[in-house]
Amino acid sequence: GSLRLSCAASGSIFSLYVMGWYRQAPGKQRELVAAITSGGST
């Protein structure tokens, strides 16, 4: 199946941030899933 996660951010300089999604499963370390730069590189 499919899901779409959303993350809404406060502040006026959102476009400058590198945004990422991480995940943590039980008993495991948090890991990077995906990231996107201010310029759109992923």
PDB file of all heavy atoms in Angstrom:
ATOM      1  N   GLY A   1       0.797  -1.215   0.000  1.00  0.00           N
ATOM      2  CA  GLY A   1       0.000   0.000   0.000  1.00  0.00           C
ATOM      3  C   GLY A   1       0.831   1.267   0.000  1.00  0.00           C
ATOM      4  O   GLY A   1       2.078   1.225  -0.074  1.00  0.00           O
ATOM      5  N   SER A   2       0.143   2.401   0.091  1.00  0.00           N
ATOM      6  CA  SER A   2       0.788   3.709   0.031  1.00  0.00           C
ATOM      7  C   SER A   2       0.312   4.610   1.161  1.00  0.00           C
ATOM      8  O   SER A   2      -0.821   4.460   1.646  1.00  0.00           O
ATOM      9  CB  SER A   2       0.481   4.398  -1.306  1.00  0.00           C
ATOM     10  OG  SER A   2       0.975   3.663  -2.403  1.00  0.00           O
ATOM     11  N   LEU A   3       1.182   5.519   1.542  1.00  0.00           N
ATOM     12  CA  LEU A   3       0.847   6.576   2.486  1.00  0.00           C
ATOM     13  C   LEU A   3       1.597   7.823   2.065  1.00  0.00           C
ATOM     14  O   LEU A   3       2.682   7.729   1.458  1.00  0.00           O
ATOM     15  CB  LEU A   3       1.261   6.217   3.910  1.00  0.00           C
ATOM     16  CG  LEU A   3       0.406   5.260   4.738  1.00  0.00           C
ATOM     17  CD1 LEU A   3       1.095   4.973   6.077  1.00  0.00           C
ATOM     18  CD2 LEU A   3      -0.987   5.812   4.964  1.00  0.00           C
ATOM     19  N   ARG A   4       1.046   8.986   2.407  1.00  0.00           N
ATOM     20  CA  ARG A   4       1.762  10.242   2.215  1.00  0.00           C
ATOM     21  C   ARG A   4       1.866  10.966   3.542  1.00  0.00           C
ATOM     22  O   ARG A   4       0.842  11.290   4.155  1.00  0.00           O
ATOM     23  CB  ARG A   4       1.099  11.136   1.179  1.00  0.00           C
ATOM     24  CG  ARG A   4       1.969  12.352   0.839  1.00  0.00           C
ATOM     25  CD  ARG A   4       1.420  13.219  -0.261  1.00  0.00           C
ATOM     26  NE  ARG A   4       0.426  14.164   0.227  1.00  0.00           N
ATOM     27  CZ  ARG A   4       0.177  15.335  -0.367  1.00  0.00           C
ATOM     28  NH1 ARG A   4       0.849  15.687  -1.452  1.00  0.00           N
ATOM     29  NH2 ARG A   4      -0.757  16.131   0.124  1.00  0.00           N
ATOM     30  N   LEU A   5       3.087  11.194   3.962  1.00  0.00           N
ATOM     31  CA  LEU A   5       3.340  11.956   5.170  1.00  0.00           C
ATOM     32  C   LEU A   5       3.519  13.426   4.814  1.00  0.00           C
ATOM     33  O   LEU A   5       4.080  13.757   3.770  1.00  0.00           O
ATOM     34  CB  LEU A   5       4.593  11.453   5.881  1.00  0.00           C
ATOM     35  CG  LEU A   5       4.643   9.968   6.228  1.00  0.00           C
ATOM     36  CD1 LEU A   5       5.935   9.660   6.998  1.00  0.00           C
ATOM     37  CD2 LEU A   5       3.421   9.541   7.011  1.00  0.00           C
ATOM     38  N   SER A   6       3.056  14.285   5.714  1.00  0.00           N
ATOM     39  CA  SER A   6       3.237  15.727   5.565  1.00  0.00           C
ATOM     40  C   SER A   6       3.900  16.278   6.810  1.00  0.00           C
ATOM     41  O   SER A   6       3.691  15.765   7.912  1.00  0.00           O
ATOM     42  CB  SER A   6       1.890  16.417   5.354  1.00  0.00           C
ATOM     43  OG  SER A   6       1.238  15.945   4.201  1.00  0.00           O
ATOM     44  N   CYS A   7       4.664  17.328   6.620  1.00  0.00           N
ATOM     45  CA  CYS A   7       5.302  18.005   7.741  1.00  0.00           C
ATOM     46  C   CYS A   7       5.177  19.504   7.508  1.00  0.00           C
ATOM     47  O   CYS A   7       5.760  20.036   6.556  1.00  0.00           O
ATOM     48  CB  CYS A   7       6.760  17.598   7.855  1.00  0.00           C
ATOM     49  SG  CYS A   7       7.707  18.552   9.065  1.00  0.00           S
ATOM     50  N   ALA A   8       4.411  20.152   8.373  1.00  0.00           N
ATOM     51  CA  ALA A   8       4.217  21.593   8.280  1.00  0.00           C
ATOM     52  C   ALA A   8       5.168  22.294   9.239  1.00  0.00           C
ATOM     53  O   ALA A   8       5.269  21.916  10.415  1.00  0.00           O
ATOM     54  CB  ALA A   8       2.778  21.950   8.611  1.00  0.00           C
ATOM     55  N   ALA A   9       5.853  23.305   8.727  1.00  0.00           N
ATOM     56  CA  ALA A   9       6.850  24.015   9.520  1.00  0.00           C
ATOM     57  C   ALA A   9       6.427  25.453   9.778  1.00  0.00           C
ATOM     58  O   ALA A   9       5.812  26.093   8.921  1.00  0.00           O
ATOM     59  CB  ALA A   9       8.190  24.005   8.793  1.00  0.00           C
ATOM     60  N   SER A  10       6.774  25.933  10.969  1.00  0.00           N
ATOM     61  CA  SER A  10       6.540  27.339  11.273  1.00  0.00           C
ATOM     62  C   SER A  10       7.742  28.145  10.798  1.00  0.00           C
ATOM     63  O   SER A  10       8.788  27.596  10.478  1.00  0.00           O
ATOM     64  CB  SER A  10       6.351  27.522  12.776  1.00  0.00           C
ATOM     65  OG  SER A  10       7.547  27.173  13.458  1.00  0.00           O
ATOM     66  N   GLY A  11       7.602  29.456  10.779  1.00  0.00           N
ATOM     67  CA  GLY A  11       8.743  30.293  10.439  1.00  0.00           C
ATOM     68  C   GLY A  11       8.723  30.786   9.013  1.00  0.00           C
ATOM     69  O   GLY A  11       8.042  30.229   8.158  1.00  0.00           O
ATOM     70  N   SER A  12       9.527  31.815   8.778  1.00  0.00           N
ATOM     71  CA  SER A  12       9.500  32.487   7.482  1.00  0.00           C
ATOM     72  C   SER A  12      10.669  32.125   6.577  1.00  0.00           C
ATOM     73  O   SER A  12      10.752  32.626   5.465  1.00  0.00           O
ATOM     74  CB  SER A  12       9.472  34.006   7.692  1.00  0.00           C
ATOM     75  OG  SER A  12      10.629  34.402   8.416  1.00  0.00           O
ATOM     76  N   ILE A  13      11.577  31.280   7.065  1.00  0.00           N
ATOM     77  CA  ILE A  13      12.740  30.949   6.241  1.00  0.00           C
ATOM     78  C   ILE A  13      12.772  29.472   5.893  1.00  0.00           C
ATOM     79  O   ILE A  13      13.829  28.873   5.715  1.00  0.00           O
ATOM     80  CB  ILE A  13      14.061  31.360   6.920  1.00  0.00           C
ATOM     81  CG1 ILE A  13      14.204  30.692   8.292  1.00  0.00           C
ATOM     82  CG2 ILE A  13      14.148  32.867   7.042  1.00  0.00           C
ATOM     83  CD1 ILE A  13      15.577  30.896   8.908  1.00  0.00           C
ATOM     84  N   PHE A  14      11.595  28.878   5.802  1.00  0.00           N
ATOM     85  CA  PHE A  14      11.491  27.446   5.499  1.00  0.00           C
ATOM     86  C   PHE A  14      12.284  27.084   4.262  1.00  0.00           C
ATOM     87  O   PHE A  14      12.922  26.034   4.199  1.00  0.00           O
ATOM     88  CB  PHE A  14      10.022  27.075   5.313  1.00  0.00           C
ATOM     89  CG  PHE A  14       9.800  25.673   4.822  1.00  0.00           C
ATOM     90  CD1 PHE A  14       9.829  24.606   5.706  1.00  0.00           C
ATOM     91  CD2 PHE A  14       9.553  25.409   3.477  1.00  0.00           C
ATOM     92  CE1 PHE A  14       9.624  23.309   5.263  1.00  0.00           C
ATOM     93  CE2 PHE A  14       9.345  24.128   3.028  1.00  0.00           C
ATOM     94  CZ  PHE A  14       9.375  23.061   3.920  1.00  0.00           C
ATOM     95  N   SER A  15      12.256  27.956   3.257  1.00  0.00           N
ATOM     96  CA  SER A  15      12.885  27.634   1.979  1.00  0.00           C
ATOM     97  C   SER A  15      14.400  27.450   2.101  1.00  0.00           C
ATOM     98  O   SER A  15      15.020  26.861   1.222  1.00  0.00           O
ATOM     99  CB  SER A  15      12.581  28.717   0.953  1.00  0.00           C
ATOM    100  OG  SER A  15      13.112  29.957   1.374  1.00  0.00           O
ATOM    101  N   LEU A  16      14.980  27.936   3.189  1.00  0.00           N
ATOM    102  CA  LEU A  16      16.428  27.827   3.360  1.00  0.00           C
ATOM    103  C   LEU A  16      16.855  26.507   3.996  1.00  0.00           C
ATOM    104  O   LEU A  16      18.025  26.150   3.955  1.00  0.00           O
ATOM    105  CB  LEU A  16      16.941  28.979   4.232  1.00  0.00           C
ATOM    106  CG  LEU A  16      16.693  30.388   3.701  1.00  0.00           C
ATOM    107  CD1 LEU A  16      17.282  31.414   4.660  1.00  0.00           C
ATOM    108  CD2 LEU A  16      17.286  30.556   2.309  1.00  0.00           C
ATOM    109  N   TYR A  17      15.910  25.801   4.583  1.00  0.00           N
ATOM    110  CA  TYR A  17      16.250  24.587   5.317  1.00  0.00           C
ATOM    111  C   TYR A  17      16.439  23.393   4.388  1.00  0.00           C
ATOM    112  O   TYR A  17      15.732  23.239   3.399  1.00  0.00           O
ATOM    113  CB  TYR A  17      15.158  24.228   6.323  1.00  0.00           C
ATOM    114  CG  TYR A  17      15.080  25.147   7.514  1.00  0.00           C
ATOM    115  CD1 TYR A  17      14.329  26.310   7.472  1.00  0.00           C
ATOM    116  CD2 TYR A  17      15.768  24.843   8.686  1.00  0.00           C
ATOM    117  CE1 TYR A  17      14.266  27.159   8.565  1.00  0.00           C
ATOM    118  CE2 TYR A  17      15.710  25.680   9.783  1.00  0.00           C
ATOM    119  CZ  TYR A  17      14.952  26.834   9.717  1.00  0.00           C
ATOM    120  OH  TYR A  17      14.894  27.663  10.793  1.00  0.00           O
ATOM    121  N   VAL A  18      17.373  22.543   4.777  1.00  0.00           N
ATOM    122  CA  VAL A  18      17.388  21.184   4.243  1.00  0.00           C
ATOM    123  C   VAL A  18      16.361  20.410   5.070  1.00  0.00           C
ATOM    124  O   VAL A  18      16.441  20.381   6.300  1.00  0.00           O
ATOM    125  CB  VAL A  18      18.764  20.520   4.359  1.00  0.00           C
ATOM    126  CG1 VAL A  18      18.698  19.063   3.899  1.00  0.00           C
ATOM    127  CG2 VAL A  18      19.808  21.293   3.566  1.00  0.00           C
ATOM    128  N   MET A  19      15.405  19.812   4.396  1.00  0.00           N
ATOM    129  CA  MET A  19      14.350  19.083   5.090  1.00  0.00           C
ATOM    130  C   MET A  19      14.562  17.583   4.894  1.00  0.00           C
ATOM    131  O   MET A  19      14.936  17.123   3.813  1.00  0.00           O
ATOM    132  CB  MET A  19      12.979  19.476   4.559  1.00  0.00           C
ATOM    133  CG  MET A  19      12.640  20.941   4.747  1.00  0.00           C
ATOM    134  SD  MET A  19      12.611  21.433   6.486  1.00  0.00           S
ATOM    135  CE  MET A  19      11.315  20.374   7.146  1.00  0.00           C
ATOM    136  N   GLY A  20      14.294  16.851   5.951  1.00  0.00           N
ATOM    137  CA  GLY A  20      14.500  15.412   5.860  1.00  0.00           C
ATOM    138  C   GLY A  20      13.450  14.632   6.608  1.00  0.00           C
ATOM    139  O   GLY A  20      12.756  15.165   7.470  1.00  0.00           O
ATOM    140  N   TRP A  21      13.333  13.379   6.226  1.00  0.00           N
ATOM    141  CA  TRP A  21      12.514  12.416   6.946  1.00  0.00           C
ATOM    142  C   TRP A  21      13.442  11.328   7.479  1.00  0.00           C
ATOM    143  O   TRP A  21      14.264  10.777   6.728  1.00  0.00           O
ATOM    144  CB  TRP A  21      11.460  11.790   6.044  1.00  0.00           C
ATOM    145  CG  TRP A  21      10.329  12.702   5.703  1.00  0.00           C
ATOM    146  CD1 TRP A  21      10.192  13.467   4.576  1.00  0.00           C
ATOM    147  CD2 TRP A  21       9.174  12.964   6.498  1.00  0.00           C
ATOM    148  NE1 TRP A  21       9.032  14.187   4.626  1.00  0.00           N
ATOM    149  CE2 TRP A  21       8.370  13.882   5.797  1.00  0.00           C
ATOM    150  CE3 TRP A  21       8.721  12.496   7.731  1.00  0.00           C
ATOM    151  CZ2 TRP A  21       7.149  14.358   6.280  1.00  0.00           C
ATOM    152  CZ3 TRP A  21       7.510  12.964   8.223  1.00  0.00           C
ATOM    153  CH2 TRP A  21       6.742  13.878   7.502  1.00  0.00           C
ATOM    154  N   TYR A  22      13.293  11.060   8.761  1.00  0.00           N
ATOM    155  CA  TYR A  22      14.025   9.990   9.418  1.00  0.00           C
ATOM    156  C   TYR A  22      13.002   8.999   9.957  1.00  0.00           C
ATOM    157  O   TYR A  22      11.822   9.318  10.092  1.00  0.00           O
ATOM    158  CB  TYR A  22      14.856  10.528  10.578  1.00  0.00           C
ATOM    159  CG  TYR A  22      16.053  11.346  10.177  1.00  0.00           C
ATOM    160  CD1 TYR A  22      15.907  12.621   9.623  1.00  0.00           C
ATOM    161  CD2 TYR A  22      17.351  10.868  10.364  1.00  0.00           C
ATOM    162  CE1 TYR A  22      17.015  13.374   9.263  1.00  0.00           C
ATOM    163  CE2 TYR A  22      18.463  11.620  10.016  1.00  0.00           C
ATOM    164  CZ  TYR A  22      18.276  12.862   9.472  1.00  0.00           C
ATOM    165  OH  TYR A  22      19.375  13.614   9.118  1.00  0.00           O
ATOM    166  N   ARG A  23      13.474   7.808  10.289  1.00  0.00           N
ATOM    167  CA  ARG A  23      12.592   6.849  10.932  1.00  0.00           C
ATOM    168  C   ARG A  23      13.357   6.059  11.976  1.00  0.00           C
ATOM    169  O   ARG A  23      14.571   5.898  11.897  1.00  0.00           O
ATOM    170  CB  ARG A  23      11.962   5.908   9.910  1.00  0.00           C
ATOM    171  CG  ARG A  23      12.922   4.962   9.224  1.00  0.00           C
ATOM    172  CD  ARG A  23      12.205   4.176   8.124  1.00  0.00           C
ATOM    173  NE  ARG A  23      13.094   3.243   7.428  1.00  0.00           N
ATOM    174  CZ  ARG A  23      12.758   2.559   6.348  1.00  0.00           C
ATOM    175  NH1 ARG A  23      11.531   2.696   5.820  1.00  0.00           N
ATOM    176  NH2 ARG A  23      13.623   1.729   5.785  1.00  0.00           N
ATOM    177  N   GLN A  24      12.598   5.573  12.942  1.00  0.00           N
ATOM    178  CA  GLN A  24      13.182   4.755  13.998  1.00  0.00           C
ATOM    179  C   GLN A  24      12.241   3.607  14.310  1.00  0.00           C
ATOM    180  O   GLN A  24      11.097   3.826  14.731  1.00  0.00           O
ATOM    181  CB  GLN A  24      13.444   5.579  15.256  1.00  0.00           C
ATOM    182  CG  GLN A  24      14.219   4.828  16.317  1.00  0.00           C
ATOM    183  CD  GLN A  24      14.757   5.750  17.409  1.00  0.00           C
ATOM    184  OE1 GLN A  24      14.294   6.875  17.577  1.00  0.00           O
ATOM    185  NE2 GLN A  24      15.748   5.266  18.139  1.00  0.00           N
ATOM    186  N   ALA A  25      12.738   2.403  14.065  1.00  0.00           N
ATOM    187  CA  ALA A  25      11.985   1.196  14.385  1.00  0.00           C
ATOM    188  C   ALA A  25      12.359   0.743  15.797  1.00  0.00           C
ATOM    189  O   ALA A  25      13.437   1.089  16.301  1.00  0.00           O
ATOM    190  CB  ALA A  25      12.299   0.102  13.375  1.00  0.00           C
ATOM    191  N   PRO A  26      11.497  -0.029  16.434  1.00  0.00           N
ATOM    192  CA  PRO A  26      11.800  -0.496  17.796  1.00  0.00           C
ATOM    193  C   PRO A  26      13.135  -1.223  17.859  1.00  0.00           C
ATOM    194  O   PRO A  26      13.420  -2.103  17.045  1.00  0.00           O
ATOM    195  CB  PRO A  26      10.635  -1.440  18.097  1.00  0.00           C
ATOM    196  CG  PRO A  26       9.518  -0.946  17.254  1.00  0.00           C
ATOM    197  CD  PRO A  26      10.162  -0.460  15.992  1.00  0.00           C
ATOM    198  N   GLY A  27      13.970  -0.821  18.805  1.00  0.00           N
ATOM    199  CA  GLY A  27      15.257  -1.475  19.003  1.00  0.00           C
ATOM    200  C   GLY A  27      16.331  -1.089  18.006  1.00  0.00           C
ATOM    201  O   GLY A  27      17.426  -1.661  18.024  1.00  0.00           O
ATOM    202  N   LYS A  28      16.015  -0.131  17.144  1.00  0.00           N
ATOM    203  CA  LYS A  28      16.986   0.282  16.126  1.00  0.00           C
ATOM    204  C   LYS A  28      17.294   1.766  16.247  1.00  0.00           C
ATOM    205  O   LYS A  28      16.544   2.527  16.855  1.00  0.00           O
ATOM    206  CB  LYS A  28      16.454  -0.029  14.731  1.00  0.00           C
ATOM    207  CG  LYS A  28      16.303  -1.512  14.445  1.00  0.00           C
ATOM    208  CD  LYS A  28      15.951  -1.756  12.991  1.00  0.00           C
ATOM    209  CE  LYS A  28      15.880  -3.233  12.676  1.00  0.00           C
ATOM    210  NZ  LYS A  28      15.563  -3.477  11.239  1.00  0.00           N
ATOM    211  N   GLN A  29      18.405   2.160  15.638  1.00  0.00           N
ATOM    212  CA  GLN A  29      18.772   3.568  15.642  1.00  0.00           C
ATOM    213  C   GLN A  29      17.942   4.345  14.618  1.00  0.00           C
ATOM    214  O   GLN A  29      17.462   3.778  13.631  1.00  0.00           O
ATOM    215  CB  GLN A  29      20.262   3.718  15.317  1.00  0.00           C
ATOM    216  CG  GLN A  29      21.190   3.242  16.427  1.00  0.00           C
ATOM    217  CD  GLN A  29      22.635   3.627  16.163  1.00  0.00           C
ATOM    218  OE1 GLN A  29      23.053   3.757  15.008  1.00  0.00           O
ATOM    219  NE2 GLN A  29      23.398   3.832  17.222  1.00  0.00           N
ATOM    220  N   ARG A  30      17.813   5.632  14.878  1.00  0.00           N
ATOM    221  CA  ARG A  30      17.137   6.492  13.925  1.00  0.00           C
ATOM    222  C   ARG A  30      17.984   6.577  12.656  1.00  0.00           C
ATOM    223  O   ARG A  30      19.201   6.728  12.725  1.00  0.00           O
ATOM    224  CB  ARG A  30      16.915   7.871  14.528  1.00  0.00           C
ATOM    225  CG  ARG A  30      16.000   8.768  13.735  1.00  0.00           C
ATOM    226  CD  ARG A  30      15.689  10.055  14.480  1.00  0.00           C
ATOM    227  NE  ARG A  30      14.975   9.812  15.726  1.00  0.00           N
ATOM    228  CZ  ARG A  30      14.439  10.774  16.472  1.00  0.00           C
ATOM    229  NH1 ARG A  30      14.539  12.044  16.071  1.00  0.00           N
ATOM    230  NH2 ARG A  30      13.819  10.476  17.597  1.00  0.00           N
ATOM    231  N   GLU A  31      17.311   6.493  11.512  1.00  0.00           N
ATOM    232  CA  GLU A  31      18.042   6.520  10.238  1.00  0.00           C
ATOM    233  C   GLU A  31      17.407   7.512   9.282  1.00  0.00           C
ATOM    234  O   GLU A  31      16.191   7.750   9.315  1.00  0.00           O
ATOM    235  CB  GLU A  31      18.055   5.126   9.597  1.00  0.00           C
ATOM    236  CG  GLU A  31      16.698   4.580   9.226  1.00  0.00           C
ATOM    237  CD  GLU A  31      16.750   3.266   8.470  1.00  0.00           C
ATOM    238  OE1 GLU A  31      17.856   2.778   8.175  1.00  0.00           O
ATOM    239  OE2 GLU A  31      15.668   2.718   8.171  1.00  0.00           O
ATOM    240  N   LEU A  32      18.239   8.057   8.415  1.00  0.00           N
ATOM    241  CA  LEU A  32      17.748   8.969   7.391  1.00  0.00           C
ATOM    242  C   LEU A  32      17.022   8.170   6.316  1.00  0.00           C
ATOM    243  O   LEU A  32      17.545   7.176   5.811  1.00  0.00           O
ATOM    244  CB  LEU A  32      18.907   9.740   6.762  1.00  0.00           C
ATOM    245  CG  LEU A  32      18.540  10.646   5.591  1.00  0.00           C
ATOM    246  CD1 LEU A  32      17.670  11.801   6.045  1.00  0.00           C
ATOM    247  CD2 LEU A  32      19.806  11.171   4.904  1.00  0.00           C
ATOM    248  N   VAL A  33      15.835   8.637   5.970  1.00  0.00           N
ATOM    249  CA  VAL A  33      15.066   8.012   4.906  1.00  0.00           C
ATOM    250  C   VAL A  33      15.239   8.799   3.599  1.00  0.00           C
ATOM    251  O   VAL A  33      15.541   8.230   2.552  1.00  0.00           O
ATOM    252  CB  VAL A  33      13.573   7.949   5.274  1.00  0.00           C
ATOM    253  CG1 VAL A  33      12.750   7.413   4.115  1.00  0.00           C
ATOM    254  CG2 VAL A  33      13.374   7.117   6.532  1.00  0.00           C
ATOM    255  N   ALA A  34      15.047  10.118   3.692  1.00  0.00           N
ATOM    256  CA  ALA A  34      15.141  10.958   2.496  1.00  0.00           C
ATOM    257  C   ALA A  34      15.372  12.392   2.932  1.00  0.00           C
ATOM    258  O   ALA A  34      14.969  12.781   4.029  1.00  0.00           O
ATOM    259  CB  ALA A  34      13.870  10.861   1.655  1.00  0.00           C
ATOM    260  N   ALA A  35      16.009  13.161   2.060  1.00  0.00           N
ATOM    261  CA  ALA A  35      16.251  14.566   2.342  1.00  0.00           C
ATOM    262  C   ALA A  35      16.132  15.365   1.056  1.00  0.00           C
ATOM    263  O   ALA A  35      16.347  14.837  -0.050  1.00  0.00           O
ATOM    264  CB  ALA A  35      17.626  14.766   2.974  1.00  0.00           C
ATOM    265  N   ILE A  36      15.807  16.658   1.223  1.00  0.00           N
ATOM    266  CA  ILE A  36      15.683  17.541   0.076  1.00  0.00           C
ATOM    267  C   ILE A  36      16.262  18.896   0.448  1.00  0.00           C
ATOM    268  O   ILE A  36      15.965  19.445   1.515  1.00  0.00           O
ATOM    269  CB  ILE A  36      14.209  17.648  -0.393  1.00  0.00           C
ATOM    270  CG1 ILE A  36      14.098  18.500  -1.647  1.00  0.00           C
ATOM    271  CG2 ILE A  36      13.298  18.163   0.721  1.00  0.00           C
ATOM    272  CD1 ILE A  36      12.722  18.376  -2.333  1.00  0.00           C
ATOM    273  N   THR A  37      17.103  19.429  -0.422  1.00  0.00           N
ATOM    274  CA  THR A  37      17.740  20.712  -0.142  1.00  0.00           C
ATOM    275  C   THR A  37      16.822  21.867  -0.530  1.00  0.00           C
ATOM    276  O   THR A  37      15.760  21.670  -1.126  1.00  0.00           O
ATOM    277  CB  THR A  37      19.053  20.834  -0.931  1.00  0.00           C
ATOM    278  OG1 THR A  37      18.741  20.935  -2.332  1.00  0.00           O
ATOM    279  CG2 THR A  37      19.963  19.636  -0.694  1.00  0.00           C
ATOM    280  N   SER A  38      17.281  23.066  -0.216  1.00  0.00           N
ATOM    281  CA  SER A  38      16.506  24.248  -0.585  1.00  0.00           C
ATOM    282  C   SER A  38      16.371  24.362  -2.103  1.00  0.00           C
ATOM    283  O   SER A  38      15.385  24.899  -2.604  1.00  0.00           O
ATOM    284  CB  SER A  38      17.163  25.499  -0.013  1.00  0.00           C
ATOM    285  OG  SER A  38      18.503  25.608  -0.474  1.00  0.00           O
ATOM    286  N   GLY A  39      17.332  23.827  -2.829  1.00  0.00           N
ATOM    287  CA  GLY A  39      17.287  23.874  -4.286  1.00  0.00           C
ATOM    288  C   GLY A  39      16.546  22.721  -4.931  1.00  0.00           C
ATOM    289  O   GLY A  39      16.412  22.675  -6.150  1.00  0.00           O
ATOM    290  N   GLY A  40      16.088  21.778  -4.092  1.00  0.00           N
ATOM    291  CA  GLY A  40      15.306  20.672  -4.621  1.00  0.00           C
ATOM    292  C   GLY A  40      16.078  19.391  -4.885  1.00  0.00           C
ATOM    293  O   GLY A  40      15.503  18.403  -5.349  1.00  0.00           O
ATOM    294  N   SER A  41      17.366  19.380  -4.584  1.00  0.00           N
ATOM    295  CA  SER A  41      18.130  18.133  -4.733  1.00  0.00           C
ATOM    296  C   SER A  41      17.712  17.153  -3.656  1.00  0.00           C
ATOM    297  O   SER A  41      17.472  17.541  -2.510  1.00  0.00           O
ATOM    298  CB  SER A  41      19.627  18.413  -4.627  1.00  0.00           C
ATOM    299  OG  SER A  41      20.049  19.259  -5.668  1.00  0.00           O
ATOM    300  N   THR A  42      17.657  15.893  -4.034  1.00  0.00           N
ATOM    301  CA  THR A  42      17.170  14.869  -3.103  1.00  0.00           C
ATOM    302  C   THR A  42      18.181  13.741  -2.938  1.00  0.00           C
ATOM    303  O   THR A  42      19.016  13.498  -3.820  1.00  0.00           O
ATOM    304  CB  THR A  42      15.847  14.265  -3.588  1.00  0.00           C
ATOM    305  OG1 THR A  42      16.037  13.694  -4.898  1.00  0.00           O
ATOM    306  CG2 THR A  42      14.762  15.321  -3.665  1.00  0.00           C
TER     307      THR A  42
END
